[in-house]
Amino acid sequence: MSFDYKKAKFNFVEQRNKFFIFSLVLIVVGFGVLFAKGLNLGIDFTHGTKVRIHADHSISVDKLQS
């Protein structure tokens, strides 16, 4: 049993309004999520370099910078 593509008919022009509304809904939902959650920018977009230092005791900022 195979599918005959020559006999298959789907009128895309007739369904264009449904496809347009579906696309519009997806775009609106995407923008809603973008504005609600924001972008998760990595270190390359937030400027600078990140350095982590682990110490067993507290260290002053001056001592750390030197």
PDB file of N, CA and C in Angstrom:
ATOM      1  N   MET A   1       0.848  -1.174   0.000  1.00  0.00           N
ATOM      2  CA  MET A   1       0.000   0.000   0.000  1.00  0.00           C
ATOM      3  C   MET A   1       0.892   1.235   0.000  1.00  0.00           C
ATOM      4  N   SER A   2       0.799   2.036  -1.016  1.00  0.00           N
ATOM      5  CA  SER A   2       1.617   3.238  -1.115  1.00  0.00           C
ATOM      6  C   SER A   2       0.709   4.451  -1.292  1.00  0.00           C
ATOM      7  N   PHE A   3       1.269   5.582  -1.003  1.00  0.00           N
ATOM      8  CA  PHE A   3       0.533   6.842  -1.092  1.00  0.00           C
ATOM      9  C   PHE A   3       0.737   7.435  -2.480  1.00  0.00           C
ATOM     10  N   ASP A   4      -0.342   7.779  -3.139  1.00  0.00           N
ATOM     11  CA  ASP A   4      -0.266   8.349  -4.480  1.00  0.00           C
ATOM     12  C   ASP A   4      -0.252   9.874  -4.367  1.00  0.00           C
ATOM     13  N   TYR A   5       0.936  10.453  -4.570  1.00  0.00           N
ATOM     14  CA  TYR A   5       1.093  11.894  -4.433  1.00  0.00           C
ATOM     15  C   TYR A   5       0.383  12.670  -5.534  1.00  0.00           C
ATOM     16  N   LYS A   6       0.159  12.052  -6.669  1.00  0.00           N
ATOM     17  CA  LYS A   6      -0.495  12.745  -7.775  1.00  0.00           C
ATOM     18  C   LYS A   6      -1.975  12.987  -7.496  1.00  0.00           C
ATOM     19  N   LYS A   7      -2.581  12.120  -6.708  1.00  0.00           N
ATOM     20  CA  LYS A   7      -3.997  12.271  -6.387  1.00  0.00           C
ATOM     21  C   LYS A   7      -4.225  13.092  -5.124  1.00  0.00           C
ATOM     22  N   ALA A   8      -3.179  13.269  -4.354  1.00  0.00           N
ATOM     23  CA  ALA A   8      -3.304  14.032  -3.108  1.00  0.00           C
ATOM     24  C   ALA A   8      -3.498  15.508  -3.435  1.00  0.00           C
ATOM     25  N   LYS A   9      -4.491  16.116  -2.824  1.00  0.00           N
ATOM     26  CA  LYS A   9      -4.761  17.528  -3.061  1.00  0.00           C
ATOM     27  C   LYS A   9      -4.980  18.227  -1.726  1.00  0.00           C
ATOM     28  N   PHE A  10      -4.268  19.312  -1.554  1.00  0.00           N
ATOM     29  CA  PHE A  10      -4.448  20.153  -0.378  1.00  0.00           C
ATOM     30  C   PHE A  10      -4.315  21.589  -0.854  1.00  0.00           C
ATOM     31  N   ASN A  11      -5.347  22.347  -0.714  1.00  0.00           N
ATOM     32  CA  ASN A  11      -5.375  23.707  -1.208  1.00  0.00           C
ATOM     33  C   ASN A  11      -4.769  24.644  -0.154  1.00  0.00           C
ATOM     34  N   PHE A  12      -3.485  24.960  -0.339  1.00  0.00           N
ATOM     35  CA  PHE A  12      -2.794  25.823   0.612  1.00  0.00           C
ATOM     36  C   PHE A  12      -3.325  27.253   0.557  1.00  0.00           C
ATOM     37  N   VAL A  13      -3.706  27.708  -0.621  1.00  0.00           N
ATOM     38  CA  VAL A  13      -4.205  29.076  -0.750  1.00  0.00           C
ATOM     39  C   VAL A  13      -5.518  29.238   0.001  1.00  0.00           C
ATOM     40  N   GLU A  14      -6.334  28.233  -0.029  1.00  0.00           N
ATOM     41  CA  GLU A  14      -7.613  28.276   0.672  1.00  0.00           C
ATOM     42  C   GLU A  14      -7.410  28.305   2.188  1.00  0.00           C
ATOM     43  N   GLN A  15      -6.348  27.680   2.669  1.00  0.00           N
ATOM     44  CA  GLN A  15      -6.074  27.590   4.107  1.00  0.00           C
ATOM     45  C   GLN A  15      -5.126  28.684   4.594  1.00  0.00           C
ATOM     46  N   ARG A  16      -4.812  29.683   3.765  1.00  0.00           N
ATOM     47  CA  ARG A  16      -3.799  30.674   4.114  1.00  0.00           C
ATOM     48  C   ARG A  16      -4.135  31.465   5.371  1.00  0.00           C
ATOM     49  N   ASN A  17      -5.408  31.747   5.600  1.00  0.00           N
ATOM     50  CA  ASN A  17      -5.786  32.509   6.797  1.00  0.00           C
ATOM     51  C   ASN A  17      -5.502  31.724   8.070  1.00  0.00           C
ATOM     52  N   LYS A  18      -5.758  30.430   8.054  1.00  0.00           N
ATOM     53  CA  LYS A  18      -5.461  29.591   9.222  1.00  0.00           C
ATOM     54  C   LYS A  18      -3.960  29.546   9.479  1.00  0.00           C
ATOM     55  N   PHE A  19      -3.174  29.416   8.409  1.00  0.00           N
ATOM     56  CA  PHE A  19      -1.721  29.383   8.559  1.00  0.00           C
ATOM     57  C   PHE A  19      -1.187  30.735   9.031  1.00  0.00           C
ATOM     58  N   PHE A  20      -1.755  31.811   8.545  1.00  0.00           N
ATOM     59  CA  PHE A  20      -1.345  33.144   8.960  1.00  0.00           C
ATOM     60  C   PHE A  20      -1.630  33.354  10.450  1.00  0.00           C
ATOM     61  N   ILE A  21      -2.795  32.966  10.897  1.00  0.00           N
ATOM     62  CA  ILE A  21      -3.161  33.113  12.311  1.00  0.00           C
ATOM     63  C   ILE A  21      -2.269  32.241  13.179  1.00  0.00           C
ATOM     64  N   PHE A  22      -1.994  31.020  12.735  1.00  0.00           N
ATOM     65  CA  PHE A  22      -1.121  30.118  13.486  1.00  0.00           C
ATOM     66  C   PHE A  22       0.282  30.717  13.613  1.00  0.00           C
ATOM     67  N   SER A  23       0.813  31.258  12.529  1.00  0.00           N
ATOM     68  CA  SER A  23       2.137  31.883  12.553  1.00  0.00           C
ATOM     69  C   SER A  23       2.146  33.103  13.468  1.00  0.00           C
ATOM     70  N   LEU A  24       1.113  33.906  13.392  1.00  0.00           N
ATOM     71  CA  LEU A  24       1.015  35.093  14.227  1.00  0.00           C
ATOM     72  C   LEU A  24       0.959  34.725  15.713  1.00  0.00           C
ATOM     73  N   VAL A  25       0.217  33.689  16.049  1.00  0.00           N
ATOM     74  CA  VAL A  25       0.139  33.234  17.440  1.00  0.00           C
ATOM     75  C   VAL A  25       1.512  32.772  17.924  1.00  0.00           C
ATOM     76  N   LEU A  26       2.235  32.021  17.092  1.00  0.00           N
ATOM     77  CA  LEU A  26       3.580  31.568  17.483  1.00  0.00           C
ATOM     78  C   LEU A  26       4.529  32.745  17.708  1.00  0.00           C
ATOM     79  N   ILE A  27       4.439  33.761  16.862  1.00  0.00           N
ATOM     80  CA  ILE A  27       5.301  34.934  17.015  1.00  0.00           C
ATOM     81  C   ILE A  27       4.965  35.687  18.297  1.00  0.00           C
ATOM     82  N   VAL A  28       3.682  35.873  18.576  1.00  0.00           N
ATOM     83  CA  VAL A  28       3.262  36.594  19.780  1.00  0.00           C
ATOM     84  C   VAL A  28       3.685  35.829  21.030  1.00  0.00           C
ATOM     85  N   VAL A  29       3.519  34.519  21.040  1.00  0.00           N
ATOM     86  CA  VAL A  29       3.940  33.708  22.185  1.00  0.00           C
ATOM     87  C   VAL A  29       5.458  33.801  22.364  1.00  0.00           C
ATOM     88  N   GLY A  30       6.200  33.758  21.265  1.00  0.00           N
ATOM     89  CA  GLY A  30       7.652  33.877  21.345  1.00  0.00           C
ATOM     90  C   GLY A  30       8.092  35.195  21.940  1.00  0.00           C
ATOM     91  N   PHE A  31       7.491  36.298  21.490  1.00  0.00           N
ATOM     92  CA  PHE A  31       7.824  37.601  22.057  1.00  0.00           C
ATOM     93  C   PHE A  31       7.404  37.689  23.518  1.00  0.00           C
ATOM     94  N   GLY A  32       6.275  37.086  23.868  1.00  0.00           N
ATOM     95  CA  GLY A  32       5.833  37.090  25.263  1.00  0.00           C
ATOM     96  C   GLY A  32       6.831  36.386  26.167  1.00  0.00           C
ATOM     97  N   VAL A  33       7.313  35.244  25.732  1.00  0.00           N
ATOM     98  CA  VAL A  33       8.311  34.515  26.524  1.00  0.00           C
ATOM     99  C   VAL A  33       9.612  35.299  26.600  1.00  0.00           C
ATOM    100  N   LEU A  34       9.998  35.923  25.493  1.00  0.00           N
ATOM    101  CA  LEU A  34      11.225  36.720  25.464  1.00  0.00           C
ATOM    102  C   LEU A  34      11.156  37.871  26.466  1.00  0.00           C
ATOM    103  N   PHE A  35      10.037  38.587  26.506  1.00  0.00           N
ATOM    104  CA  PHE A  35       9.917  39.715  27.426  1.00  0.00           C
ATOM    105  C   PHE A  35       9.700  39.263  28.867  1.00  0.00           C
ATOM    106  N   ALA A  36       9.056  38.124  29.082  1.00  0.00           N
ATOM    107  CA  ALA A  36       8.803  37.648  30.435  1.00  0.00           C
ATOM    108  C   ALA A  36      10.077  37.094  31.077  1.00  0.00           C
ATOM    109  N   LYS A  37      10.823  36.282  30.343  1.00  0.00           N
ATOM    110  CA  LYS A  37      12.016  35.658  30.895  1.00  0.00           C
ATOM    111  C   LYS A  37      13.288  36.427  30.609  1.00  0.00           C
ATOM    112  N   GLY A  38      13.312  37.194  29.548  1.00  0.00           N
ATOM    113  CA  GLY A  38      14.514  37.923  29.174  1.00  0.00           C
ATOM    114  C   GLY A  38      15.519  36.993  28.519  1.00  0.00           C
ATOM    115  N   LEU A  39      16.643  37.585  28.143  1.00  0.00           N
ATOM    116  CA  LEU A  39      17.691  36.802  27.517  1.00  0.00           C
ATOM    117  C   LEU A  39      18.718  36.383  28.554  1.00  0.00           C
ATOM    118  N   ASN A  40      19.236  35.182  28.427  1.00  0.00           N
ATOM    119  CA  ASN A  40      20.286  34.690  29.303  1.00  0.00           C
ATOM    120  C   ASN A  40      21.621  34.948  28.611  1.00  0.00           C
ATOM    121  N   LEU A  41      22.177  36.137  28.867  1.00  0.00           N
ATOM    122  CA  LEU A  41      23.409  36.529  28.193  1.00  0.00           C
ATOM    123  C   LEU A  41      24.608  35.909  28.900  1.00  0.00           C
ATOM    124  N   GLY A  42      25.484  35.332  28.139  1.00  0.00           N
ATOM    125  CA  GLY A  42      26.695  34.750  28.686  1.00  0.00           C
ATOM    126  C   GLY A  42      27.738  35.818  28.964  1.00  0.00           C
ATOM    127  N   ILE A  43      28.881  35.391  29.463  1.00  0.00           N
ATOM    128  CA  ILE A  43      29.946  36.321  29.823  1.00  0.00           C
ATOM    129  C   ILE A  43      30.449  37.082  28.604  1.00  0.00           C
ATOM    130  N   ASP A  44      30.374  36.483  27.424  1.00  0.00           N
ATOM    131  CA  ASP A  44      30.858  37.158  26.228  1.00  0.00           C
ATOM    132  C   ASP A  44      29.973  38.334  25.830  1.00  0.00           C
ATOM    133  N   PHE A  45      28.729  38.391  26.294  1.00  0.00           N
ATOM    134  CA  PHE A  45      27.842  39.508  25.980  1.00  0.00           C
ATOM    135  C   PHE A  45      27.703  40.496  27.135  1.00  0.00           C
ATOM    136  N   THR A  46      28.130  40.127  28.317  1.00  0.00           N
ATOM    137  CA  THR A  46      27.960  41.013  29.474  1.00  0.00           C
ATOM    138  C   THR A  46      29.249  41.745  29.830  1.00  0.00           C
ATOM    139  N   HIS A  47      30.275  41.634  29.044  1.00  0.00           N
ATOM    140  CA  HIS A  47      31.578  42.277  29.140  1.00  0.00           C
ATOM    141  C   HIS A  47      32.441  41.691  30.250  1.00  0.00           C
ATOM    142  N   GLY A  48      33.695  41.691  29.990  1.00  0.00           N
ATOM    143  CA  GLY A  48      34.643  41.325  31.015  1.00  0.00           C
ATOM    144  C   GLY A  48      34.975  39.852  31.078  1.00  0.00           C
ATOM    145  N   THR A  49      35.701  39.539  32.125  1.00  0.00           N
ATOM    146  CA  THR A  49      36.156  38.190  32.375  1.00  0.00           C
ATOM    147  C   THR A  49      35.736  37.809  33.778  1.00  0.00           C
ATOM    148  N   LYS A  50      35.397  36.576  33.949  1.00  0.00           N
ATOM    149  CA  LYS A  50      34.980  36.102  35.260  1.00  0.00           C
ATOM    150  C   LYS A  50      36.090  35.234  35.851  1.00  0.00           C
ATOM    151  N   VAL A  51      36.508  35.589  37.060  1.00  0.00           N
ATOM    152  CA  VAL A  51      37.537  34.829  37.756  1.00  0.00           C
ATOM    153  C   VAL A  51      36.965  34.424  39.104  1.00  0.00           C
ATOM    154  N   ARG A  52      37.031  33.137  39.404  1.00  0.00           N
ATOM    155  CA  ARG A  52      36.549  32.639  40.696  1.00  0.00           C
ATOM    156  C   ARG A  52      37.740  32.212  41.540  1.00  0.00           C
ATOM    157  N   ILE A  53      37.716  32.640  42.781  1.00  0.00           N
ATOM    158  CA  ILE A  53      38.781  32.273  43.715  1.00  0.00           C
ATOM    159  C   ILE A  53      38.119  31.669  44.946  1.00  0.00           C
ATOM    160  N   HIS A  54      38.558  30.484  45.297  1.00  0.00           N
ATOM    161  CA  HIS A  54      38.047  29.814  46.500  1.00  0.00           C
ATOM    162  C   HIS A  54      39.113  29.890  47.591  1.00  0.00           C
ATOM    163  N   ALA A  55      38.710  30.312  48.766  1.00  0.00           N
ATOM    164  CA  ALA A  55      39.648  30.429  49.890  1.00  0.00           C
ATOM    165  C   ALA A  55      38.991  29.874  51.145  1.00  0.00           C
ATOM    166  N   ASP A  56      39.823  29.377  52.024  1.00  0.00           N
ATOM    167  CA  ASP A  56      39.325  28.824  53.292  1.00  0.00           C
ATOM    168  C   ASP A  56      39.010  29.919  54.309  1.00  0.00           C
ATOM    169  N   HIS A  57      39.610  31.076  54.147  1.00  0.00           N
ATOM    170  CA  HIS A  57      39.372  32.184  55.068  1.00  0.00           C
ATOM    171  C   HIS A  57      39.093  33.451  54.270  1.00  0.00           C
ATOM    172  N   SER A  58      38.653  34.501  54.951  1.00  0.00           N
ATOM    173  CA  SER A  58      38.308  35.735  54.241  1.00  0.00           C
ATOM    174  C   SER A  58      39.578  36.460  53.800  1.00  0.00           C
ATOM    175  N   ILE A  59      39.494  37.062  52.622  1.00  0.00           N
ATOM    176  CA  ILE A  59      40.626  37.780  52.046  1.00  0.00           C
ATOM    177  C   ILE A  59      40.148  39.185  51.705  1.00  0.00           C
ATOM    178  N   SER A  60      40.965  40.177  52.033  1.00  0.00           N
ATOM    179  CA  SER A  60      40.583  41.556  51.707  1.00  0.00           C
ATOM    180  C   SER A  60      40.727  41.773  50.202  1.00  0.00           C
ATOM    181  N   VAL A  61      39.986  42.754  49.714  1.00  0.00           N
ATOM    182  CA  VAL A  61      39.994  43.055  48.284  1.00  0.00           C
ATOM    183  C   VAL A  61      41.372  43.556  47.857  1.00  0.00           C
ATOM    184  N   ASP A  62      41.992  44.385  48.691  1.00  0.00           N
ATOM    185  CA  ASP A  62      43.332  44.916  48.371  1.00  0.00           C
ATOM    186  C   ASP A  62      44.341  43.780  48.229  1.00  0.00           C
ATOM    187  N   LYS A  63      44.304  42.844  49.161  1.00  0.00           N
ATOM    188  CA  LYS A  63      45.246  41.709  49.106  1.00  0.00           C
ATOM    189  C   LYS A  63      44.973  40.836  47.874  1.00  0.00           C
ATOM    190  N   LEU A  64      43.727  40.706  47.550  1.00  0.00           N
ATOM    191  CA  LEU A  64      43.357  39.898  46.396  1.00  0.00           C
ATOM    192  C   LEU A  64      43.803  40.553  45.100  1.00  0.00           C
ATOM    193  N   GLN A  65      43.684  41.864  44.989  1.00  0.00           N
ATOM    194  CA  GLN A  65      44.096  42.563  43.785  1.00  0.00           C
ATOM    195  C   GLN A  65      45.602  42.584  43.596  1.00  0.00           C
ATOM    196  N   SER A  66      46.333  42.567  44.709  1.00  0.00           N
ATOM    197  CA  SER A  66      47.795  42.557  44.587  1.00  0.00           C
ATOM    198  C   SER A  66      48.266  41.168  44.222  1.00  0.00           C
TER     199      SER A  66
END
